Amino acid sequence: MATTTAYTPRPIPRDTLEELRRTDDAGRPCAPYTAEEGGSPLRCCLRPARQGERLALVSYAPLRRWAAATGAAPGAYDEQGPVFIHAEPCEGPDPADTGQDYPFARAGALRAFRRYDARGHIVGGRLVEIPERPAEGFDAALTEAFADPQVALVHVRAVEYGCFHFEVRRPV
C-alpha cells in the first residue's frame, strides 16, 4: 500500500537528460549499455532499472544546473557524480506514483539530506537511516530542513556511493 508524501522528489529535467545523453557534465560522450540485471536507480523516472533496459551511467552536476537557472553561484559546492539514466527518452516518473512514496527508499539504507541556500552553498545536512516506514523518515528530515528559511533545496544522496538520488525544492 502506497503512502502519500509531504514533498515532491524531482527527477532530472527532460532538457538536461537530452544534453546528458549526448555529453555528460564531465564532458564525456554518453555510452549506452544493456542492463544485465535490474535495480540501478534511474534518475530520469525515479525507479529501479529493469533487466534488459538500455541505460547510461553519466556524470551529472545537479547544483550547477540549478544555479545556472537561478543565478546562484555555488563555487566550490558545485560537484558532479555518477547517475543512471535511460539511454533513450522515457516517460519520466509514472504520474500515478506522483506523491506516492519516495524513490529508492529501502529500510535500513543511509541517506544524506544536503541542504543548500539560494546562493547554492551548503547550509547543513542530515544523515538519515531509512526507517521501516520510509515516508515518515523522509518527511521528517525534509520538514526539518525547510524549517530553516535559508534552505532553498535539498539533495538526497546515497551514503554508500555518494550518488545524487533526487532533489526536493522548497514548497511554494
N, C-alpha and C. Protein backbone atom coordinates (compact mmCIF):
# COMPACT_ATOMS: atom_id res chain seq x y z
N MET A 1 0.83 -1.18 0.00
CA MET A 1 0.00 0.00 0.00
C MET A 1 0.88 1.25 0.00
N ALA A 2 0.65 2.15 -0.92
CA ALA A 2 1.44 3.37 -1.04
C ALA A 2 1.01 4.39 0.00
N THR A 3 1.95 5.19 0.42
CA THR A 3 1.65 6.28 1.34
C THR A 3 1.86 7.59 0.60
N THR A 4 1.19 8.62 1.04
CA THR A 4 1.33 9.93 0.42
C THR A 4 2.49 10.66 1.07
N THR A 5 3.31 11.29 0.24
CA THR A 5 4.47 12.01 0.74
C THR A 5 4.14 13.49 0.88
N ALA A 6 4.86 14.16 1.78
CA ALA A 6 4.64 15.58 2.01
C ALA A 6 5.41 16.45 1.01
N TYR A 7 6.43 15.90 0.37
CA TYR A 7 7.29 16.66 -0.53
C TYR A 7 7.40 15.93 -1.86
N THR A 8 7.83 16.66 -2.89
CA THR A 8 7.89 16.10 -4.24
C THR A 8 9.33 15.88 -4.69
N PRO A 9 9.75 14.62 -4.83
CA PRO A 9 11.07 14.34 -5.40
C PRO A 9 11.07 14.73 -6.88
N ARG A 10 12.15 15.36 -7.32
CA ARG A 10 12.23 15.82 -8.71
C ARG A 10 13.23 14.97 -9.49
N PRO A 11 12.80 14.44 -10.64
CA PRO A 11 13.74 13.73 -11.49
C PRO A 11 14.64 14.76 -12.21
N ILE A 12 15.64 14.26 -12.91
CA ILE A 12 16.45 15.14 -13.74
C ILE A 12 15.53 15.68 -14.85
N PRO A 13 15.53 16.99 -15.08
CA PRO A 13 14.65 17.57 -16.11
C PRO A 13 14.93 17.01 -17.51
N ARG A 14 13.88 16.94 -18.32
CA ARG A 14 13.98 16.36 -19.67
C ARG A 14 15.03 17.04 -20.54
N ASP A 15 15.09 18.37 -20.53
CA ASP A 15 16.08 19.05 -21.37
C ASP A 15 17.50 18.72 -20.93
N THR A 16 17.70 18.56 -19.64
CA THR A 16 19.00 18.16 -19.12
C THR A 16 19.34 16.74 -19.55
N LEU A 17 18.34 15.86 -19.49
CA LEU A 17 18.56 14.47 -19.92
C LEU A 17 18.99 14.41 -21.38
N GLU A 18 18.37 15.23 -22.22
CA GLU A 18 18.75 15.27 -23.63
C GLU A 18 20.23 15.63 -23.77
N GLU A 19 20.68 16.61 -23.01
CA GLU A 19 22.09 17.01 -23.05
C GLU A 19 23.00 15.89 -22.54
N LEU A 20 22.61 15.27 -21.42
CA LEU A 20 23.43 14.21 -20.83
C LEU A 20 23.53 13.00 -21.74
N ARG A 21 22.51 12.77 -22.56
CA ARG A 21 22.55 11.64 -23.50
C ARG A 21 23.51 11.88 -24.66
N ARG A 22 23.93 13.12 -24.82
CA ARG A 22 24.95 13.44 -25.83
C ARG A 22 26.33 13.50 -25.16
N THR A 23 26.44 14.44 -24.20
CA THR A 23 27.70 14.65 -23.48
C THR A 23 27.37 14.92 -22.02
N ASP A 24 28.03 14.20 -21.12
CA ASP A 24 27.70 14.38 -19.71
C ASP A 24 28.40 15.61 -19.13
N ASP A 25 28.15 15.88 -17.86
CA ASP A 25 28.68 17.09 -17.23
C ASP A 25 30.19 17.04 -16.97
N ALA A 26 30.82 15.90 -17.27
CA ALA A 26 32.28 15.81 -17.21
C ALA A 26 32.88 15.93 -18.61
N GLY A 27 32.00 16.14 -19.62
CA GLY A 27 32.46 16.31 -20.99
C GLY A 27 32.65 15.01 -21.77
N ARG A 28 32.19 13.90 -21.22
CA ARG A 28 32.33 12.61 -21.89
C ARG A 28 31.09 12.28 -22.71
N PRO A 29 31.26 11.60 -23.84
CA PRO A 29 30.10 11.18 -24.63
C PRO A 29 29.34 10.07 -23.90
N CYS A 30 28.05 10.04 -24.09
CA CYS A 30 27.19 9.02 -23.50
C CYS A 30 27.57 7.65 -24.07
N ALA A 31 27.64 6.63 -23.24
CA ALA A 31 27.99 5.27 -23.65
C ALA A 31 26.90 4.30 -23.20
N PRO A 32 25.82 4.17 -23.97
CA PRO A 32 24.71 3.28 -23.57
C PRO A 32 25.14 1.82 -23.48
N TYR A 33 24.43 1.08 -22.65
CA TYR A 33 24.64 -0.36 -22.49
C TYR A 33 23.31 -0.99 -22.09
N THR A 34 23.24 -2.30 -22.19
CA THR A 34 22.04 -3.03 -21.80
C THR A 34 22.24 -3.57 -20.39
N ALA A 35 21.28 -3.31 -19.53
CA ALA A 35 21.37 -3.75 -18.13
C ALA A 35 21.27 -5.27 -18.06
N GLU A 36 22.31 -5.91 -17.52
CA GLU A 36 22.28 -7.36 -17.35
C GLU A 36 21.38 -7.75 -16.18
N GLU A 37 21.31 -6.88 -15.20
CA GLU A 37 20.46 -7.08 -14.03
C GLU A 37 19.64 -5.81 -13.85
N GLY A 38 18.59 -5.89 -13.09
CA GLY A 38 17.82 -4.70 -12.76
C GLY A 38 18.34 -4.09 -11.48
N GLY A 39 17.72 -2.98 -11.09
CA GLY A 39 18.00 -2.40 -9.80
C GLY A 39 18.70 -1.06 -9.77
N SER A 40 19.41 -0.71 -10.84
CA SER A 40 20.10 0.58 -10.82
C SER A 40 19.08 1.71 -10.69
N PRO A 41 19.34 2.68 -9.81
CA PRO A 41 18.37 3.76 -9.58
C PRO A 41 18.37 4.78 -10.73
N LEU A 42 17.31 4.81 -11.50
CA LEU A 42 17.20 5.71 -12.65
C LEU A 42 16.74 7.09 -12.20
N ARG A 43 17.53 8.12 -12.51
CA ARG A 43 17.19 9.48 -12.09
C ARG A 43 16.28 10.18 -13.08
N CYS A 44 16.00 9.56 -14.21
CA CYS A 44 15.09 10.14 -15.20
C CYS A 44 13.64 9.84 -14.86
N CYS A 45 13.38 8.69 -14.28
CA CYS A 45 12.00 8.29 -13.98
C CYS A 45 11.82 7.86 -12.52
N LEU A 46 12.88 7.99 -11.74
CA LEU A 46 12.86 7.73 -10.29
C LEU A 46 12.31 6.35 -9.94
N ARG A 47 12.83 5.34 -10.65
CA ARG A 47 12.50 3.95 -10.35
C ARG A 47 13.72 3.09 -10.63
N PRO A 48 13.74 1.87 -10.12
CA PRO A 48 14.86 0.97 -10.43
C PRO A 48 14.79 0.50 -11.89
N ALA A 49 15.96 0.33 -12.49
CA ALA A 49 16.04 -0.20 -13.85
C ALA A 49 15.60 -1.65 -13.86
N ARG A 50 15.12 -2.07 -15.01
CA ARG A 50 14.73 -3.45 -15.21
C ARG A 50 15.77 -4.15 -16.10
N GLN A 51 15.93 -5.43 -15.90
CA GLN A 51 16.85 -6.20 -16.71
C GLN A 51 16.51 -6.02 -18.19
N GLY A 52 17.53 -5.80 -19.01
CA GLY A 52 17.35 -5.67 -20.45
C GLY A 52 17.12 -4.25 -20.93
N GLU A 53 16.91 -3.30 -20.02
CA GLU A 53 16.71 -1.91 -20.44
C GLU A 53 18.04 -1.31 -20.89
N ARG A 54 17.94 -0.35 -21.82
CA ARG A 54 19.12 0.38 -22.27
C ARG A 54 19.36 1.55 -21.32
N LEU A 55 20.53 1.58 -20.72
CA LEU A 55 20.88 2.58 -19.72
C LEU A 55 22.15 3.30 -20.12
N ALA A 56 22.42 4.36 -19.38
CA ALA A 56 23.71 5.05 -19.48
C ALA A 56 24.08 5.51 -18.07
N LEU A 57 25.34 5.39 -17.75
CA LEU A 57 25.88 5.92 -16.50
C LEU A 57 26.63 7.19 -16.89
N VAL A 58 26.12 8.33 -16.43
CA VAL A 58 26.67 9.62 -16.82
C VAL A 58 27.06 10.43 -15.60
N SER A 59 27.92 11.40 -15.81
CA SER A 59 28.30 12.33 -14.76
C SER A 59 27.33 13.50 -14.79
N TYR A 60 26.78 13.83 -13.62
CA TYR A 60 25.74 14.86 -13.53
C TYR A 60 26.10 15.84 -12.42
N ALA A 61 25.92 17.14 -12.70
CA ALA A 61 26.18 18.20 -11.73
C ALA A 61 24.86 18.91 -11.42
N PRO A 62 24.05 18.36 -10.50
CA PRO A 62 22.71 18.91 -10.26
C PRO A 62 22.72 20.35 -9.75
N LEU A 63 23.63 20.69 -8.88
CA LEU A 63 23.65 22.04 -8.33
C LEU A 63 24.06 23.06 -9.39
N ARG A 64 24.97 22.69 -10.26
CA ARG A 64 25.42 23.56 -11.34
C ARG A 64 24.26 23.94 -12.24
N ARG A 65 23.44 23.00 -12.57
CA ARG A 65 22.32 23.26 -13.47
C ARG A 65 21.25 24.11 -12.78
N TRP A 66 20.98 23.84 -11.52
CA TRP A 66 20.03 24.66 -10.76
C TRP A 66 20.56 26.09 -10.65
N ALA A 67 21.85 26.22 -10.37
CA ALA A 67 22.46 27.54 -10.22
C ALA A 67 22.37 28.33 -11.53
N ALA A 68 22.59 27.68 -12.65
CA ALA A 68 22.50 28.37 -13.94
C ALA A 68 21.10 28.91 -14.18
N ALA A 69 20.10 28.17 -13.72
CA ALA A 69 18.71 28.60 -13.92
C ALA A 69 18.29 29.69 -12.94
N THR A 70 18.94 29.76 -11.77
CA THR A 70 18.51 30.69 -10.73
C THR A 70 19.46 31.87 -10.54
N GLY A 71 20.64 31.80 -11.15
CA GLY A 71 21.62 32.86 -10.95
C GLY A 71 22.47 32.67 -9.71
N ALA A 72 22.38 31.53 -9.07
CA ALA A 72 23.19 31.24 -7.89
C ALA A 72 24.64 31.01 -8.31
N ALA A 73 25.54 31.11 -7.34
CA ALA A 73 26.97 30.90 -7.60
C ALA A 73 27.53 29.94 -6.54
N PRO A 74 27.38 28.64 -6.75
CA PRO A 74 27.77 27.69 -5.72
C PRO A 74 29.27 27.55 -5.49
N GLY A 75 30.08 28.05 -6.42
CA GLY A 75 31.53 27.96 -6.23
C GLY A 75 31.98 26.53 -6.00
N ALA A 76 32.74 26.33 -4.94
CA ALA A 76 33.30 25.02 -4.64
C ALA A 76 32.25 23.97 -4.29
N TYR A 77 31.02 24.39 -4.01
CA TYR A 77 29.97 23.42 -3.69
C TYR A 77 29.42 22.73 -4.93
N ASP A 78 29.79 23.23 -6.10
CA ASP A 78 29.39 22.59 -7.35
C ASP A 78 30.17 21.28 -7.47
N GLU A 79 29.44 20.19 -7.57
CA GLU A 79 30.09 18.90 -7.71
C GLU A 79 29.32 18.05 -8.70
N GLN A 80 30.00 17.06 -9.23
CA GLN A 80 29.35 16.15 -10.17
C GLN A 80 29.61 14.73 -9.73
N GLY A 81 28.71 13.85 -10.15
CA GLY A 81 28.87 12.46 -9.78
C GLY A 81 28.06 11.57 -10.70
N PRO A 82 28.22 10.26 -10.55
CA PRO A 82 27.57 9.31 -11.44
C PRO A 82 26.08 9.15 -11.15
N VAL A 83 25.29 9.09 -12.22
CA VAL A 83 23.87 8.76 -12.12
C VAL A 83 23.48 7.87 -13.30
N PHE A 84 22.52 6.99 -13.06
CA PHE A 84 21.98 6.15 -14.12
C PHE A 84 20.76 6.83 -14.72
N ILE A 85 20.68 6.78 -16.06
CA ILE A 85 19.50 7.28 -16.77
C ILE A 85 19.18 6.29 -17.89
N HIS A 86 17.97 6.36 -18.41
CA HIS A 86 17.66 5.60 -19.62
C HIS A 86 18.48 6.17 -20.77
N ALA A 87 18.98 5.30 -21.63
CA ALA A 87 19.80 5.74 -22.76
C ALA A 87 18.97 6.48 -23.81
N GLU A 88 17.69 6.19 -23.87
CA GLU A 88 16.78 6.88 -24.78
C GLU A 88 15.71 7.57 -23.93
N PRO A 89 15.02 8.56 -24.49
CA PRO A 89 13.97 9.24 -23.72
C PRO A 89 12.95 8.26 -23.16
N CYS A 90 12.53 8.52 -21.94
CA CYS A 90 11.50 7.71 -21.28
C CYS A 90 10.34 8.63 -20.91
N GLU A 91 9.33 8.08 -20.33
CA GLU A 91 8.14 8.85 -19.96
C GLU A 91 8.32 9.63 -18.67
N GLY A 92 9.44 9.45 -17.98
CA GLY A 92 9.62 10.10 -16.68
C GLY A 92 8.87 9.34 -15.61
N PRO A 93 8.75 9.92 -14.42
CA PRO A 93 8.03 9.24 -13.35
C PRO A 93 6.57 8.97 -13.75
N ASP A 94 6.06 7.84 -13.32
CA ASP A 94 4.68 7.48 -13.59
C ASP A 94 3.77 8.45 -12.84
N PRO A 95 2.90 9.18 -13.56
CA PRO A 95 2.02 10.15 -12.89
C PRO A 95 1.18 9.53 -11.78
N ALA A 96 0.87 8.25 -11.90
CA ALA A 96 0.08 7.58 -10.86
C ALA A 96 0.87 7.45 -9.56
N ASP A 97 2.21 7.50 -9.67
CA ASP A 97 3.06 7.39 -8.49
C ASP A 97 3.44 8.74 -7.89
N THR A 98 3.11 9.84 -8.56
CA THR A 98 3.48 11.15 -8.07
C THR A 98 2.92 11.37 -6.68
N GLY A 99 3.81 11.69 -5.76
CA GLY A 99 3.40 11.90 -4.37
C GLY A 99 3.21 10.62 -3.59
N GLN A 100 3.50 9.47 -4.20
CA GLN A 100 3.37 8.19 -3.52
C GLN A 100 4.77 7.66 -3.21
N ASP A 101 5.09 7.55 -1.95
CA ASP A 101 6.40 7.06 -1.50
C ASP A 101 7.54 7.95 -2.01
N TYR A 102 8.73 7.64 -1.58
CA TYR A 102 9.94 8.31 -2.06
C TYR A 102 10.74 7.28 -2.83
N PRO A 103 11.40 7.70 -3.90
CA PRO A 103 12.17 6.72 -4.68
C PRO A 103 13.40 6.22 -3.92
N PHE A 104 13.76 4.99 -4.21
CA PHE A 104 14.99 4.38 -3.71
C PHE A 104 15.04 4.36 -2.18
N ALA A 105 13.88 4.19 -1.55
CA ALA A 105 13.77 4.24 -0.09
C ALA A 105 13.70 2.83 0.48
N ARG A 106 14.86 2.25 0.73
CA ARG A 106 14.96 0.91 1.28
C ARG A 106 15.24 1.01 2.77
N ALA A 107 14.37 0.43 3.58
CA ALA A 107 14.54 0.49 5.04
C ALA A 107 15.94 0.03 5.41
N GLY A 108 16.59 0.80 6.29
CA GLY A 108 17.93 0.49 6.76
C GLY A 108 19.03 1.18 5.98
N ALA A 109 18.74 1.64 4.77
CA ALA A 109 19.76 2.34 3.97
C ALA A 109 20.01 3.72 4.56
N LEU A 110 21.19 4.24 4.33
CA LEU A 110 21.55 5.57 4.82
C LEU A 110 21.44 6.58 3.69
N ARG A 111 20.86 7.73 4.00
CA ARG A 111 20.74 8.82 3.04
C ARG A 111 21.23 10.10 3.68
N ALA A 112 21.95 10.88 2.89
CA ALA A 112 22.37 12.22 3.31
C ALA A 112 21.38 13.21 2.71
N PHE A 113 20.86 14.09 3.53
CA PHE A 113 19.97 15.17 3.09
C PHE A 113 20.80 16.44 3.16
N ARG A 114 21.34 16.85 2.03
CA ARG A 114 22.24 18.00 1.96
C ARG A 114 21.42 19.24 1.62
N ARG A 115 21.51 20.26 2.48
CA ARG A 115 20.71 21.48 2.34
C ARG A 115 21.53 22.59 1.68
N TYR A 116 20.88 23.30 0.75
CA TYR A 116 21.53 24.41 0.05
C TYR A 116 20.69 25.67 0.17
N ASP A 117 21.37 26.81 0.25
CA ASP A 117 20.67 28.09 0.27
C ASP A 117 20.53 28.64 -1.15
N ALA A 118 19.99 29.84 -1.28
CA ALA A 118 19.73 30.43 -2.60
C ALA A 118 21.02 30.75 -3.36
N ARG A 119 22.15 30.81 -2.67
CA ARG A 119 23.43 31.03 -3.34
C ARG A 119 24.00 29.72 -3.89
N GLY A 120 23.44 28.59 -3.41
CA GLY A 120 23.99 27.29 -3.78
C GLY A 120 25.05 26.81 -2.82
N HIS A 121 25.08 27.39 -1.62
CA HIS A 121 26.05 26.99 -0.60
C HIS A 121 25.39 26.02 0.37
N ILE A 122 26.16 25.07 0.86
CA ILE A 122 25.64 24.12 1.84
C ILE A 122 25.38 24.86 3.15
N VAL A 123 24.19 24.68 3.68
CA VAL A 123 23.83 25.31 4.96
C VAL A 123 23.39 24.26 5.98
N GLY A 124 23.83 23.05 5.79
CA GLY A 124 23.51 22.00 6.74
C GLY A 124 23.18 20.70 6.03
N GLY A 125 22.96 19.73 6.84
CA GLY A 125 22.63 18.43 6.30
C GLY A 125 22.22 17.50 7.41
N ARG A 126 21.78 16.35 7.01
CA ARG A 126 21.36 15.37 8.00
C ARG A 126 21.56 13.98 7.43
N LEU A 127 22.04 13.09 8.25
CA LEU A 127 22.17 11.69 7.89
C LEU A 127 20.94 10.98 8.42
N VAL A 128 20.27 10.22 7.56
CA VAL A 128 19.05 9.52 7.94
C VAL A 128 19.18 8.05 7.62
N GLU A 129 18.91 7.21 8.61
CA GLU A 129 18.75 5.79 8.33
C GLU A 129 17.27 5.60 8.03
N ILE A 130 16.96 5.10 6.86
CA ILE A 130 15.57 4.99 6.43
C ILE A 130 14.85 4.00 7.34
N PRO A 131 13.76 4.47 7.98
CA PRO A 131 13.02 3.59 8.89
C PRO A 131 12.11 2.62 8.12
N GLU A 132 11.45 1.75 8.86
CA GLU A 132 10.53 0.78 8.26
C GLU A 132 9.41 1.48 7.48
N ARG A 133 9.03 2.65 7.91
CA ARG A 133 8.04 3.46 7.20
C ARG A 133 8.78 4.63 6.56
N PRO A 134 9.37 4.40 5.38
CA PRO A 134 10.27 5.39 4.77
C PRO A 134 9.69 6.79 4.63
N ALA A 135 8.44 6.91 4.23
CA ALA A 135 7.87 8.24 4.02
C ALA A 135 7.94 9.09 5.28
N GLU A 136 7.74 8.47 6.43
CA GLU A 136 7.81 9.22 7.68
C GLU A 136 9.21 9.77 7.93
N GLY A 137 10.24 8.97 7.65
CA GLY A 137 11.62 9.42 7.84
C GLY A 137 12.00 10.53 6.87
N PHE A 138 11.61 10.36 5.60
CA PHE A 138 11.90 11.38 4.60
C PHE A 138 11.15 12.67 4.92
N ASP A 139 9.86 12.55 5.24
CA ASP A 139 9.06 13.73 5.56
C ASP A 139 9.65 14.50 6.75
N ALA A 140 10.06 13.77 7.78
CA ALA A 140 10.63 14.43 8.97
C ALA A 140 11.92 15.17 8.63
N ALA A 141 12.79 14.53 7.86
CA ALA A 141 14.07 15.16 7.50
C ALA A 141 13.85 16.39 6.62
N LEU A 142 12.90 16.30 5.70
CA LEU A 142 12.64 17.44 4.81
C LEU A 142 11.91 18.56 5.54
N THR A 143 11.01 18.22 6.43
CA THR A 143 10.32 19.24 7.23
C THR A 143 11.34 19.99 8.09
N GLU A 144 12.26 19.25 8.68
CA GLU A 144 13.32 19.88 9.48
C GLU A 144 14.17 20.80 8.60
N ALA A 145 14.52 20.35 7.42
CA ALA A 145 15.35 21.16 6.52
C ALA A 145 14.65 22.45 6.14
N PHE A 146 13.40 22.36 5.72
CA PHE A 146 12.68 23.54 5.25
C PHE A 146 12.16 24.43 6.37
N ALA A 147 12.32 23.99 7.62
CA ALA A 147 12.01 24.87 8.76
C ALA A 147 13.02 26.00 8.84
N ASP A 148 14.20 25.78 8.26
CA ASP A 148 15.22 26.81 8.17
C ASP A 148 14.90 27.67 6.95
N PRO A 149 14.58 28.94 7.12
CA PRO A 149 14.19 29.78 5.99
C PRO A 149 15.31 29.97 4.94
N GLN A 150 16.56 29.68 5.30
CA GLN A 150 17.65 29.78 4.33
C GLN A 150 17.63 28.67 3.30
N VAL A 151 17.05 27.53 3.63
CA VAL A 151 17.13 26.35 2.76
C VAL A 151 16.22 26.52 1.54
N ALA A 152 16.85 26.49 0.36
CA ALA A 152 16.12 26.62 -0.90
C ALA A 152 15.83 25.25 -1.52
N LEU A 153 16.75 24.32 -1.34
CA LEU A 153 16.56 22.98 -1.88
C LEU A 153 17.39 21.98 -1.10
N VAL A 154 17.01 20.72 -1.24
CA VAL A 154 17.69 19.62 -0.56
C VAL A 154 18.04 18.56 -1.60
N HIS A 155 19.28 18.10 -1.56
CA HIS A 155 19.68 16.96 -2.38
C HIS A 155 19.72 15.73 -1.49
N VAL A 156 19.05 14.69 -1.93
CA VAL A 156 19.07 13.41 -1.22
C VAL A 156 20.09 12.54 -1.93
N ARG A 157 21.04 12.03 -1.16
CA ARG A 157 22.14 11.24 -1.73
C ARG A 157 22.28 9.91 -0.97
N ALA A 158 22.74 8.91 -1.70
CA ALA A 158 23.07 7.63 -1.09
C ALA A 158 24.41 7.77 -0.38
N VAL A 159 24.48 7.30 0.82
CA VAL A 159 25.74 7.38 1.56
C VAL A 159 26.74 6.36 1.03
N GLU A 160 26.25 5.17 0.67
CA GLU A 160 27.14 4.09 0.25
C GLU A 160 28.04 4.50 -0.92
N TYR A 161 27.48 5.20 -1.90
CA TYR A 161 28.23 5.57 -3.09
C TYR A 161 28.35 7.08 -3.26
N GLY A 162 27.65 7.86 -2.47
CA GLY A 162 27.67 9.31 -2.58
C GLY A 162 26.84 9.85 -3.73
N CYS A 163 26.09 8.96 -4.38
CA CYS A 163 25.33 9.35 -5.57
C CYS A 163 24.15 10.25 -5.24
N PHE A 164 23.93 11.21 -6.11
CA PHE A 164 22.74 12.04 -6.07
C PHE A 164 21.54 11.16 -6.43
N HIS A 165 20.50 11.18 -5.60
CA HIS A 165 19.29 10.41 -5.89
C HIS A 165 18.19 11.30 -6.46
N PHE A 166 17.89 12.39 -5.75
CA PHE A 166 16.90 13.32 -6.26
C PHE A 166 16.97 14.61 -5.47
N GLU A 167 16.27 15.60 -5.99
CA GLU A 167 16.21 16.93 -5.39
C GLU A 167 14.80 17.21 -4.92
N VAL A 168 14.70 17.96 -3.84
CA VAL A 168 13.42 18.48 -3.35
C VAL A 168 13.59 19.96 -3.17
N ARG A 169 12.71 20.74 -3.77
CA ARG A 169 12.78 22.20 -3.64
C ARG A 169 11.80 22.67 -2.57
N ARG A 170 12.10 23.85 -2.04
CA ARG A 170 11.23 24.45 -1.03
C ARG A 170 9.82 24.54 -1.59
N PRO A 171 8.85 24.04 -0.84
CA PRO A 171 7.46 24.16 -1.31
C PRO A 171 7.04 25.63 -1.41
N VAL A 172 6.21 25.92 -2.39
CA VAL A 172 5.74 27.30 -2.57
C VAL A 172 4.33 27.48 -2.05
